[in-house]
All heavy atoms as atom14 arrays in JSON, in Angstrom:
{
  "sequence": "IIATVFALFHLQSSLAQATLFSDSAANYGTWTNGSNAGTGFSVWDLW",
  "atom14_mask": [
    [1, 1, 1, 1, 1, 1, 1, 1, 0, 0, 0, 0, 0, 0],
    [1, 1, 1, 1, 1, 1, 1, 1, 0, 0, 0, 0, 0, 0],
    [1, 1, 1, 1, 1, 0, 0, 0, 0, 0, 0, 0, 0, 0],
    [1, 1, 1, 1, 1, 1, 1, 0, 0, 0, 0, 0, 0, 0],
    [1, 1, 1, 1, 1, 1, 1, 0, 0, 0, 0, 0, 0, 0],
    [1, 1, 1, 1, 1, 1, 1, 1, 1, 1, 1, 0, 0, 0],
    [1, 1, 1, 1, 1, 0, 0, 0, 0, 0, 0, 0, 0, 0],
    [1, 1, 1, 1, 1, 1, 1, 1, 0, 0, 0, 0, 0, 0],
    [1, 1, 1, 1, 1, 1, 1, 1, 1, 1, 1, 0, 0, 0],
    [1, 1, 1, 1, 1, 1, 1, 1, 1, 1, 0, 0, 0, 0],
    [1, 1, 1, 1, 1, 1, 1, 1, 0, 0, 0, 0, 0, 0],
    [1, 1, 1, 1, 1, 1, 1, 1, 1, 0, 0, 0, 0, 0],
    [1, 1, 1, 1, 1, 1, 0, 0, 0, 0, 0, 0, 0, 0],
    [1, 1, 1, 1, 1, 1, 0, 0, 0, 0, 0, 0, 0, 0],
    [1, 1, 1, 1, 1, 1, 1, 1, 0, 0, 0, 0, 0, 0],
    [1, 1, 1, 1, 1, 0, 0, 0, 0, 0, 0, 0, 0, 0],
    [1, 1, 1, 1, 1, 1, 1, 1, 1, 0, 0, 0, 0, 0],
    [1, 1, 1, 1, 1, 0, 0, 0, 0, 0, 0, 0, 0, 0],
    [1, 1, 1, 1, 1, 1, 1, 0, 0, 0, 0, 0, 0, 0],
    [1, 1, 1, 1, 1, 1, 1, 1, 0, 0, 0, 0, 0, 0],
    [1, 1, 1, 1, 1, 1, 1, 1, 1, 1, 1, 0, 0, 0],
    [1, 1, 1, 1, 1, 1, 0, 0, 0, 0, 0, 0, 0, 0],
    [1, 1, 1, 1, 1, 1, 1, 1, 0, 0, 0, 0, 0, 0],
    [1, 1, 1, 1, 1, 1, 0, 0, 0, 0, 0, 0, 0, 0],
    [1, 1, 1, 1, 1, 0, 0, 0, 0, 0, 0, 0, 0, 0],
    [1, 1, 1, 1, 1, 0, 0, 0, 0, 0, 0, 0, 0, 0],
    [1, 1, 1, 1, 1, 1, 1, 1, 0, 0, 0, 0, 0, 0],
    [1, 1, 1, 1, 1, 1, 1, 1, 1, 1, 1, 1, 0, 0],
    [1, 1, 1, 1, 0, 0, 0, 0, 0, 0, 0, 0, 0, 0],
    [1, 1, 1, 1, 1, 1, 1, 0, 0, 0, 0, 0, 0, 0],
    [1, 1, 1, 1, 1, 1, 1, 1, 1, 1, 1, 1, 1, 1],
    [1, 1, 1, 1, 1, 1, 1, 0, 0, 0, 0, 0, 0, 0],
    [1, 1, 1, 1, 1, 1, 1, 1, 0, 0, 0, 0, 0, 0],
    [1, 1, 1, 1, 0, 0, 0, 0, 0, 0, 0, 0, 0, 0],
    [1, 1, 1, 1, 1, 1, 0, 0, 0, 0, 0, 0, 0, 0],
    [1, 1, 1, 1, 1, 1, 1, 1, 0, 0, 0, 0, 0, 0],
    [1, 1, 1, 1, 1, 0, 0, 0, 0, 0, 0, 0, 0, 0],
    [1, 1, 1, 1, 0, 0, 0, 0, 0, 0, 0, 0, 0, 0],
    [1, 1, 1, 1, 1, 1, 1, 0, 0, 0, 0, 0, 0, 0],
    [1, 1, 1, 1, 0, 0, 0, 0, 0, 0, 0, 0, 0, 0],
    [1, 1, 1, 1, 1, 1, 1, 1, 1, 1, 1, 0, 0, 0],
    [1, 1, 1, 1, 1, 1, 0, 0, 0, 0, 0, 0, 0, 0],
    [1, 1, 1, 1, 1, 1, 1, 0, 0, 0, 0, 0, 0, 0],
    [1, 1, 1, 1, 1, 1, 1, 1, 1, 1, 1, 1, 1, 1],
    [1, 1, 1, 1, 1, 1, 1, 1, 0, 0, 0, 0, 0, 0],
    [1, 1, 1, 1, 1, 1, 1, 1, 0, 0, 0, 0, 0, 0],
    [1, 1, 1, 1, 1, 1, 1, 1, 1, 1, 1, 1, 1, 1]
  ],
  "atom14_positions": [
    [[0.86, -47.91, -42.85], [0.95, -47.87, -41.39], [-0.26, -47.17, -40.81], [-0.88, -47.62, -39.86], [2.24, -47.16, -40.95], [3.45, -47.95, -41.42], [2.28, -46.96, -39.45], [4.77, -47.28, -41.14], [0.0, 0.0, 0.0], [0.0, 0.0, 0.0], [0.0, 0.0, 0.0], [0.0, 0.0, 0.0], [0.0, 0.0, 0.0], [0.0, 0.0, 0.0]],
    [[-0.62, -46.05, -41.42], [-1.75, -45.26, -40.92], [-3.05, -46.05, -40.99], [-3.84, -46.05, -40.06], [-1.86, -43.94, -41.7], [-0.67, -43.04, -41.33], [-3.18, -43.26, -41.42], [-0.59, -41.79, -42.17], [0.0, 0.0, 0.0], [0.0, 0.0, 0.0], [0.0, 0.0, 0.0], [0.0, 0.0, 0.0], [0.0, 0.0, 0.0], [0.0, 0.0, 0.0]],
    [[-3.26, -46.77, -42.1], [-4.49, -47.54, -42.25], [-4.59, -48.63, -41.18], [-5.64, -48.85, -40.58], [-4.56, -48.17, -43.64], [0.0, 0.0, 0.0], [0.0, 0.0, 0.0], [0.0, 0.0, 0.0], [0.0, 0.0, 0.0], [0.0, 0.0, 0.0], [0.0, 0.0, 0.0], [0.0, 0.0, 0.0], [0.0, 0.0, 0.0], [0.0, 0.0, 0.0]],
    [[-3.46, -49.31, -40.93], [-3.46, -50.37, -39.93], [-3.72, -49.82, -38.54], [-4.54, -50.33, -37.78], [-2.11, -51.11, -39.95], [-1.9, -51.64, -41.25], [-2.09, -52.24, -38.92], [0.0, 0.0, 0.0], [0.0, 0.0, 0.0], [0.0, 0.0, 0.0], [0.0, 0.0, 0.0], [0.0, 0.0, 0.0], [0.0, 0.0, 0.0], [0.0, 0.0, 0.0]],
    [[-3.0, -48.76, -38.2], [-3.15, -48.16, -36.88], [-4.56, -47.63, -36.69], [-5.18, -47.79, -35.64], [-2.11, -47.04, -36.67], [-2.39, -46.3, -35.38], [-0.71, -47.62, -36.65], [0.0, 0.0, 0.0], [0.0, 0.0, 0.0], [0.0, 0.0, 0.0], [0.0, 0.0, 0.0], [0.0, 0.0, 0.0], [0.0, 0.0, 0.0], [0.0, 0.0, 0.0]],
    [[-5.1, -47.02, -37.74], [-6.45, -46.47, -37.63], [-7.48, -47.57, -37.39], [-8.41, -47.41, -36.6], [-6.8, -45.68, -38.89], [-8.18, -45.07, -38.81], [-8.41, -43.96, -38.03], [-9.24, -45.64, -39.5], [-9.67, -43.4, -37.95], [-10.5, -45.09, -39.41], [-10.73, -43.96, -38.65], [0.0, 0.0, 0.0], [0.0, 0.0, 0.0], [0.0, 0.0, 0.0]],
    [[-7.29, -48.72, -38.05], [-8.22, -49.83, -37.86], [-8.2, -50.32, -36.41], [-9.24, -50.55, -35.8], [-7.87, -50.99, -38.81], [0.0, 0.0, 0.0], [0.0, 0.0, 0.0], [0.0, 0.0, 0.0], [0.0, 0.0, 0.0], [0.0, 0.0, 0.0], [0.0, 0.0, 0.0], [0.0, 0.0, 0.0], [0.0, 0.0, 0.0], [0.0, 0.0, 0.0]],
    [[-7.01, -50.45, -35.85], [-6.9, -50.88, -34.46], [-7.45, -49.82, -33.52], [-8.08, -50.12, -32.52], [-5.45, -51.21, -34.12], [-4.88, -52.46, -34.8], [-3.42, -52.62, -34.43], [-5.67, -53.69, -34.45], [0.0, 0.0, 0.0], [0.0, 0.0, 0.0], [0.0, 0.0, 0.0], [0.0, 0.0, 0.0], [0.0, 0.0, 0.0], [0.0, 0.0, 0.0]],
    [[-7.17, -48.55, -33.84], [-7.67, -47.47, -33.0], [-9.2, -47.45, -33.01], [-9.84, -47.27, -31.99], [-7.13, -46.13, -33.49], [-7.66, -44.97, -32.69], [-7.16, -44.72, -31.43], [-8.66, -44.15, -33.19], [-7.65, -43.65, -30.67], [-9.15, -43.09, -32.44], [-8.64, -42.84, -31.19], [0.0, 0.0, 0.0], [0.0, 0.0, 0.0], [0.0, 0.0, 0.0]],
    [[-9.78, -47.71, -34.18], [-11.24, -47.77, -34.27], [-11.77, -48.92, -33.43], [-12.78, -48.78, -32.73], [-11.66, -47.94, -35.72], [-13.15, -48.1, -35.89], [-14.03, -47.07, -35.75], [-13.89, -49.21, -36.16], [-15.27, -47.5, -35.94], [-15.2, -48.8, -36.19], [0.0, 0.0, 0.0], [0.0, 0.0, 0.0], [0.0, 0.0, 0.0], [0.0, 0.0, 0.0]],
    [[-11.06, -50.07, -33.45], [-11.49, -51.2, -32.66], [-11.49, -50.87, -31.17], [-12.46, -51.07, -30.47], [-10.57, -52.41, -32.92], [-10.73, -53.6, -31.97], [-12.09, -54.24, -32.15], [-9.62, -54.61, -32.19], [0.0, 0.0, 0.0], [0.0, 0.0, 0.0], [0.0, 0.0, 0.0], [0.0, 0.0, 0.0], [0.0, 0.0, 0.0], [0.0, 0.0, 0.0]],
    [[-10.35, -50.32, -30.68], [-10.25, -50.07, -29.25], [-11.18, -48.95, -28.81], [-11.68, -48.95, -27.69], [-8.8, -49.77, -28.86], [-8.22, -48.51, -29.43], [-6.69, -48.52, -29.34], [-6.06, -49.56, -29.47], [-6.11, -47.36, -29.13], [0.0, 0.0, 0.0], [0.0, 0.0, 0.0], [0.0, 0.0, 0.0], [0.0, 0.0, 0.0], [0.0, 0.0, 0.0]],
    [[-11.44, -47.99, -29.68], [-12.32, -46.89, -29.29], [-13.77, -47.33, -29.21], [-14.59, -46.67, -28.59], [-12.18, -45.72, -30.27], [-12.61, -46.11, -31.56], [0.0, 0.0, 0.0], [0.0, 0.0, 0.0], [0.0, 0.0, 0.0], [0.0, 0.0, 0.0], [0.0, 0.0, 0.0], [0.0, 0.0, 0.0], [0.0, 0.0, 0.0], [0.0, 0.0, 0.0]],
    [[-14.08, -48.48, -29.85], [-15.46, -48.98, -29.81], [-15.71, -49.85, -28.58], [-16.83, -50.27, -28.35], [-15.75, -49.79, -31.08], [-14.97, -50.97, -31.1], [0.0, 0.0, 0.0], [0.0, 0.0, 0.0], [0.0, 0.0, 0.0], [0.0, 0.0, 0.0], [0.0, 0.0, 0.0], [0.0, 0.0, 0.0], [0.0, 0.0, 0.0], [0.0, 0.0, 0.0]],
    [[-14.65, -50.14, -27.81], [-14.78, -50.99, -26.65], [-14.94, -50.16, -25.39], [-14.81, -48.95, -25.41], [-13.56, -51.91, -26.56], [-13.39, -52.84, -27.78], [-12.04, -53.52, -27.73], [-14.5, -53.87, -27.84], [0.0, 0.0, 0.0], [0.0, 0.0, 0.0], [0.0, 0.0, 0.0], [0.0, 0.0, 0.0], [0.0, 0.0, 0.0], [0.0, 0.0, 0.0]],
    [[-15.21, -50.85, -24.28], [-15.5, -50.15, -23.02], [-14.2, -49.74, -22.34], [-13.66, -50.45, -21.5], [-16.33, -51.06, -22.12], [0.0, 0.0, 0.0], [0.0, 0.0, 0.0], [0.0, 0.0, 0.0], [0.0, 0.0, 0.0], [0.0, 0.0, 0.0], [0.0, 0.0, 0.0], [0.0, 0.0, 0.0], [0.0, 0.0, 0.0], [0.0, 0.0, 0.0]],
    [[-13.69, -48.6, -22.73], [-12.5, -48.06, -22.07], [-12.89, -47.58, -20.68], [-13.94, -46.98, -20.5], [-11.92, -46.92, -22.9], [-11.56, -47.35, -24.32], [-11.25, -46.18, -25.23], [-11.13, -45.05, -24.77], [-11.13, -46.43, -26.51], [0.0, 0.0, 0.0], [0.0, 0.0, 0.0], [0.0, 0.0, 0.0], [0.0, 0.0, 0.0], [0.0, 0.0, 0.0]],
    [[-12.02, -47.82, -19.73], [-12.3, -47.44, -18.35], [-11.34, -46.34, -17.93], [-10.12, -46.52, -17.99], [-12.16, -48.65, -17.43], [0.0, 0.0, 0.0], [0.0, 0.0, 0.0], [0.0, 0.0, 0.0], [0.0, 0.0, 0.0], [0.0, 0.0, 0.0], [0.0, 0.0, 0.0], [0.0, 0.0, 0.0], [0.0, 0.0, 0.0], [0.0, 0.0, 0.0]],
    [[-11.87, -45.2, -17.51], [-11.04, -44.08, -17.08], [-10.62, -44.27, -15.63], [-11.45, -44.46, -14.75], [-11.8, -42.76, -17.24], [-12.07, -42.54, -18.62], [-10.97, -41.59, -16.71], [0.0, 0.0, 0.0], [0.0, 0.0, 0.0], [0.0, 0.0, 0.0], [0.0, 0.0, 0.0], [0.0, 0.0, 0.0], [0.0, 0.0, 0.0], [0.0, 0.0, 0.0]],
    [[-9.31, -44.24, -15.41], [-8.76, -44.37, -14.06], [-8.58, -43.01, -13.4], [-8.91, -42.85, -12.23], [-7.42, -45.11, -14.12], [-7.45, -46.49, -14.79], [-6.05, -47.08, -14.9], [-8.36, -47.44, -14.02], [0.0, 0.0, 0.0], [0.0, 0.0, 0.0], [0.0, 0.0, 0.0], [0.0, 0.0, 0.0], [0.0, 0.0, 0.0], [0.0, 0.0, 0.0]],
    [[-8.04, -42.04, -14.14], [-7.84, -40.69, -13.64], [-8.17, -39.71, -14.76], [-8.02, -40.02, -15.94], [-6.39, -40.47, -13.18], [-5.81, -41.63, -12.44], [-4.73, -42.33, -12.94], [-6.34, -42.02, -11.22], [-4.2, -43.4, -12.26], [-5.82, -43.09, -10.54], [-4.75, -43.79, -11.05], [0.0, 0.0, 0.0], [0.0, 0.0, 0.0], [0.0, 0.0, 0.0]],
    [[-8.59, -38.5, -14.39], [-8.93, -37.52, -15.42], [-8.82, -36.1, -14.86], [-8.82, -35.89, -13.64], [-10.36, -37.75, -15.93], [-11.3, -37.54, -14.9], [0.0, 0.0, 0.0], [0.0, 0.0, 0.0], [0.0, 0.0, 0.0], [0.0, 0.0, 0.0], [0.0, 0.0, 0.0], [0.0, 0.0, 0.0], [0.0, 0.0, 0.0], [0.0, 0.0, 0.0]],
    [[-8.74, -35.14, -15.77], [-8.79, -33.73, -15.42], [-9.14, -32.95, -16.68], [-8.84, -33.38, -17.8], [-7.46, -33.24, -14.85], [-7.6, -31.92, -14.09], [-8.75, -31.5, -13.85], [-6.57, -31.33, -13.74], [0.0, 0.0, 0.0], [0.0, 0.0, 0.0], [0.0, 0.0, 0.0], [0.0, 0.0, 0.0], [0.0, 0.0, 0.0], [0.0, 0.0, 0.0]],
    [[-9.81, -31.82, -16.51], [-10.15, -30.95, -17.63], [-10.27, -29.53, -17.13], [-10.36, -29.28, -15.91], [-11.47, -31.38, -18.3], [-12.57, -31.06, -17.47], [0.0, 0.0, 0.0], [0.0, 0.0, 0.0], [0.0, 0.0, 0.0], [0.0, 0.0, 0.0], [0.0, 0.0, 0.0], [0.0, 0.0, 0.0], [0.0, 0.0, 0.0], [0.0, 0.0, 0.0]],
    [[-10.29, -28.58, -18.07], [-10.37, -27.17, -17.71], [-11.67, -26.83, -17.0], [-11.74, -25.83, -16.27], [-10.21, -26.31, -18.96], [0.0, 0.0, 0.0], [0.0, 0.0, 0.0], [0.0, 0.0, 0.0], [0.0, 0.0, 0.0], [0.0, 0.0, 0.0], [0.0, 0.0, 0.0], [0.0, 0.0, 0.0], [0.0, 0.0, 0.0], [0.0, 0.0, 0.0]],
    [[-12.7, -27.67, -17.19], [-13.98, -27.41, -16.53], [-13.86, -27.49, -15.02], [-14.73, -26.99, -14.3], [-15.03, -28.39, -17.03], [0.0, 0.0, 0.0], [0.0, 0.0, 0.0], [0.0, 0.0, 0.0], [0.0, 0.0, 0.0], [0.0, 0.0, 0.0], [0.0, 0.0, 0.0], [0.0, 0.0, 0.0], [0.0, 0.0, 0.0], [0.0, 0.0, 0.0]],
    [[-12.79, -28.12, -14.51], [-12.61, -28.26, -13.07], [-11.99, -27.03, -12.4], [-11.82, -27.03, -11.18], [-11.71, -29.47, -12.78], [-12.36, -30.79, -13.21], [-13.57, -30.94, -13.15], [-11.54, -31.72, -13.67], [0.0, 0.0, 0.0], [0.0, 0.0, 0.0], [0.0, 0.0, 0.0], [0.0, 0.0, 0.0], [0.0, 0.0, 0.0], [0.0, 0.0, 0.0]],
    [[-11.65, -25.99, -13.19], [-10.88, -24.86, -12.67], [-11.62, -23.54, -12.87], [-12.23, -23.31, -13.92], [-9.53, -24.77, -13.38], [-8.62, -25.96, -13.14], [-8.84, -27.16, -13.81], [-7.58, -25.89, -12.23], [-8.03, -28.26, -13.59], [-6.75, -26.99, -12.0], [-6.98, -28.17, -12.69], [-6.18, -29.26, -12.46], [0.0, 0.0, 0.0], [0.0, 0.0, 0.0]],
    [[-11.52, -22.67, -11.85], [-11.94, -21.29, -12.01], [-10.82, -20.44, -12.57], [-11.03, -19.55, -13.39], [0.0, 0.0, 0.0], [0.0, 0.0, 0.0], [0.0, 0.0, 0.0], [0.0, 0.0, 0.0], [0.0, 0.0, 0.0], [0.0, 0.0, 0.0], [0.0, 0.0, 0.0], [0.0, 0.0, 0.0], [0.0, 0.0, 0.0], [0.0, 0.0, 0.0]],
    [[-9.6, -20.72, -12.13], [-8.38, -20.12, -12.69], [-7.33, -21.21, -12.78], [-7.33, -22.17, -12.0], [-7.85, -18.98, -11.8], [-7.57, -19.49, -10.49], [-8.86, -17.84, -11.72], [0.0, 0.0, 0.0], [0.0, 0.0, 0.0], [0.0, 0.0, 0.0], [0.0, 0.0, 0.0], [0.0, 0.0, 0.0], [0.0, 0.0, 0.0], [0.0, 0.0, 0.0]],
    [[-6.42, -21.03, -13.75], [-5.36, -22.02, -13.94], [-4.06, -21.39, -13.48], [-3.53, -20.48, -14.13], [-5.29, -22.42, -15.42], [-4.35, -23.54, -15.71], [-4.03, -24.58, -14.92], [-3.61, -23.71, -16.92], [-3.12, -25.41, -15.53], [-2.86, -24.91, -16.78], [-3.52, -22.99, -18.11], [-2.01, -25.38, -17.78], [-2.69, -23.46, -19.11], [-1.94, -24.65, -18.95]],
    [[-3.55, -21.82, -12.33], [-2.37, -21.2, -11.74], [-1.37, -22.27, -11.32], [-1.72, -23.45, -11.21], [-2.75, -20.38, -10.49], [-3.39, -21.24, -9.53], [-3.69, -19.24, -10.87], [0.0, 0.0, 0.0], [0.0, 0.0, 0.0], [0.0, 0.0, 0.0], [0.0, 0.0, 0.0], [0.0, 0.0, 0.0], [0.0, 0.0, 0.0], [0.0, 0.0, 0.0]],
    [[-0.15, -21.84, -11.11], [0.9, -22.76, -10.67], [0.49, -23.4, -9.33], [0.03, -22.72, -8.42], [2.22, -22.01, -10.51], [3.36, -22.95, -10.16], [3.54, -23.97, -10.82], [4.11, -22.61, -9.13], [0.0, 0.0, 0.0], [0.0, 0.0, 0.0], [0.0, 0.0, 0.0], [0.0, 0.0, 0.0], [0.0, 0.0, 0.0], [0.0, 0.0, 0.0]],
    [[0.65, -24.73, -9.24], [0.3, -25.45, -8.02], [-1.14, -25.87, -7.92], [-1.53, -26.55, -6.97], [0.0, 0.0, 0.0], [0.0, 0.0, 0.0], [0.0, 0.0, 0.0], [0.0, 0.0, 0.0], [0.0, 0.0, 0.0], [0.0, 0.0, 0.0], [0.0, 0.0, 0.0], [0.0, 0.0, 0.0], [0.0, 0.0, 0.0], [0.0, 0.0, 0.0]],
    [[-1.97, -25.49, -8.89], [-3.38, -25.9, -8.86], [-3.49, -27.37, -9.25], [-2.67, -27.91, -9.99], [-4.22, -25.02, -9.79], [-3.74, -25.08, -11.12], [0.0, 0.0, 0.0], [0.0, 0.0, 0.0], [0.0, 0.0, 0.0], [0.0, 0.0, 0.0], [0.0, 0.0, 0.0], [0.0, 0.0, 0.0], [0.0, 0.0, 0.0], [0.0, 0.0, 0.0]],
    [[-4.55, -28.01, -8.78], [-4.75, -29.43, -9.08], [-6.17, -29.81, -8.72], [-6.5, -29.98, -7.56], [-3.77, -30.31, -8.31], [-3.89, -31.78, -8.7], [-4.64, -32.14, -9.59], [-3.13, -32.62, -8.01], [0.0, 0.0, 0.0], [0.0, 0.0, 0.0], [0.0, 0.0, 0.0], [0.0, 0.0, 0.0], [0.0, 0.0, 0.0], [0.0, 0.0, 0.0]],
    [[-7.02, -29.93, -9.72], [-8.41, -30.3, -9.47], [-8.72, -31.71, -9.97], [-9.82, -32.19, -9.81], [-9.35, -29.3, -10.13], [0.0, 0.0, 0.0], [0.0, 0.0, 0.0], [0.0, 0.0, 0.0], [0.0, 0.0, 0.0], [0.0, 0.0, 0.0], [0.0, 0.0, 0.0], [0.0, 0.0, 0.0], [0.0, 0.0, 0.0], [0.0, 0.0, 0.0]],
    [[-7.74, -32.35, -10.6], [-7.98, -33.67, -11.15], [-7.64, -34.76, -10.16], [-7.44, -34.53, -8.97], [0.0, 0.0, 0.0], [0.0, 0.0, 0.0], [0.0, 0.0, 0.0], [0.0, 0.0, 0.0], [0.0, 0.0, 0.0], [0.0, 0.0, 0.0], [0.0, 0.0, 0.0], [0.0, 0.0, 0.0], [0.0, 0.0, 0.0], [0.0, 0.0, 0.0]],
    [[-7.57, -35.99, -10.65], [-7.22, -37.14, -9.82], [-6.08, -37.88, -10.48], [-6.05, -38.04, -11.7], [-8.41, -38.1, -9.66], [-8.84, -38.53, -10.96], [-9.58, -37.42, -8.96], [0.0, 0.0, 0.0], [0.0, 0.0, 0.0], [0.0, 0.0, 0.0], [0.0, 0.0, 0.0], [0.0, 0.0, 0.0], [0.0, 0.0, 0.0], [0.0, 0.0, 0.0]],
    [[-5.14, -38.35, -9.66], [-4.06, -39.17, -10.18], [-2.92, -38.42, -10.82], [-2.02, -39.03, -11.4], [0.0, 0.0, 0.0], [0.0, 0.0, 0.0], [0.0, 0.0, 0.0], [0.0, 0.0, 0.0], [0.0, 0.0, 0.0], [0.0, 0.0, 0.0], [0.0, 0.0, 0.0], [0.0, 0.0, 0.0], [0.0, 0.0, 0.0], [0.0, 0.0, 0.0]],
    [[-2.93, -37.08, -10.74], [-1.87, -36.26, -11.34], [-1.21, -35.4, -10.27], [-1.83, -35.03, -9.27], [-2.43, -35.32, -12.42], [-3.1, -36.04, -13.57], [-4.47, -36.21, -13.6], [-2.35, -36.53, -14.62], [-5.1, -36.85, -14.65], [-2.96, -37.18, -15.68], [-4.34, -37.35, -15.7], [0.0, 0.0, 0.0], [0.0, 0.0, 0.0], [0.0, 0.0, 0.0]],
    [[0.05, -35.03, -10.52], [0.71, -34.04, -9.67], [0.1, -32.67, -9.93], [-0.63, -32.46, -10.91], [2.21, -34.02, -9.95], [2.46, -33.6, -11.28], [0.0, 0.0, 0.0], [0.0, 0.0, 0.0], [0.0, 0.0, 0.0], [0.0, 0.0, 0.0], [0.0, 0.0, 0.0], [0.0, 0.0, 0.0], [0.0, 0.0, 0.0], [0.0, 0.0, 0.0]],
    [[0.41, -31.7, -9.06], [-0.08, -30.33, -9.27], [0.54, -29.77, -10.54], [1.61, -30.2, -10.99], [0.26, -29.43, -8.07], [-0.39, -29.95, -6.81], [1.77, -29.31, -7.89], [0.0, 0.0, 0.0], [0.0, 0.0, 0.0], [0.0, 0.0, 0.0], [0.0, 0.0, 0.0], [0.0, 0.0, 0.0], [0.0, 0.0, 0.0], [0.0, 0.0, 0.0]],
    [[-0.13, -28.82, -11.14], [0.39, -28.16, -12.33], [1.65, -27.36, -11.97], [1.66, -26.6, -11.01], [-0.64, -27.21, -12.94], [-1.72, -27.88, -13.74], [-3.0, -28.12, -13.35], [-1.6, -28.38, -15.07], [-3.71, -28.73, -14.34], [-2.87, -28.91, -15.43], [-0.56, -28.43, -16.01], [-3.12, -29.47, -16.67], [-0.81, -29.01, -17.26], [-2.08, -29.52, -17.57]],
    [[2.7, -27.56, -12.75], [3.93, -26.78, -12.62], [3.98, -25.84, -13.82], [4.26, -26.27, -14.95], [5.14, -27.73, -12.61], [6.46, -26.98, -12.42], [6.42, -25.79, -12.1], [7.52, -27.62, -12.62], [0.0, 0.0, 0.0], [0.0, 0.0, 0.0], [0.0, 0.0, 0.0], [0.0, 0.0, 0.0], [0.0, 0.0, 0.0], [0.0, 0.0, 0.0]],
    [[3.64, -24.56, -13.6], [3.55, -23.57, -14.68], [4.68, -22.56, -14.53], [4.93, -22.05, -13.44], [2.21, -22.85, -14.63], [0.93, -23.71, -14.58], [-0.3, -22.82, -14.55], [0.87, -24.69, -15.74], [0.0, 0.0, 0.0], [0.0, 0.0, 0.0], [0.0, 0.0, 0.0], [0.0, 0.0, 0.0], [0.0, 0.0, 0.0], [0.0, 0.0, 0.0]],
    [[5.35, -22.25, -15.63], [6.4, -21.24, -15.6], [6.62, -20.66, -16.99], [6.2, -21.23, -17.99], [7.7, -21.81, -15.02], [8.51, -22.67, -15.95], [9.56, -22.27, -16.72], [8.34, -24.07, -16.21], [10.07, -23.32, -17.44], [9.34, -24.45, -17.13], [7.46, -25.04, -15.74], [9.48, -25.75, -17.6], [7.6, -26.33, -16.21], [8.59, -26.68, -17.13]]
  ]
}
């Protein structure tokens, strides 16, 4: 199963994937409840 899945994963990773929405820690000065610096996501719910 792993070999098959890995082969397909390698195929799709070599193609032109298009990012629709994204977020990363680089977008934040502090990470707090209700913060949201990305696109296409709800605000962070931290507790």
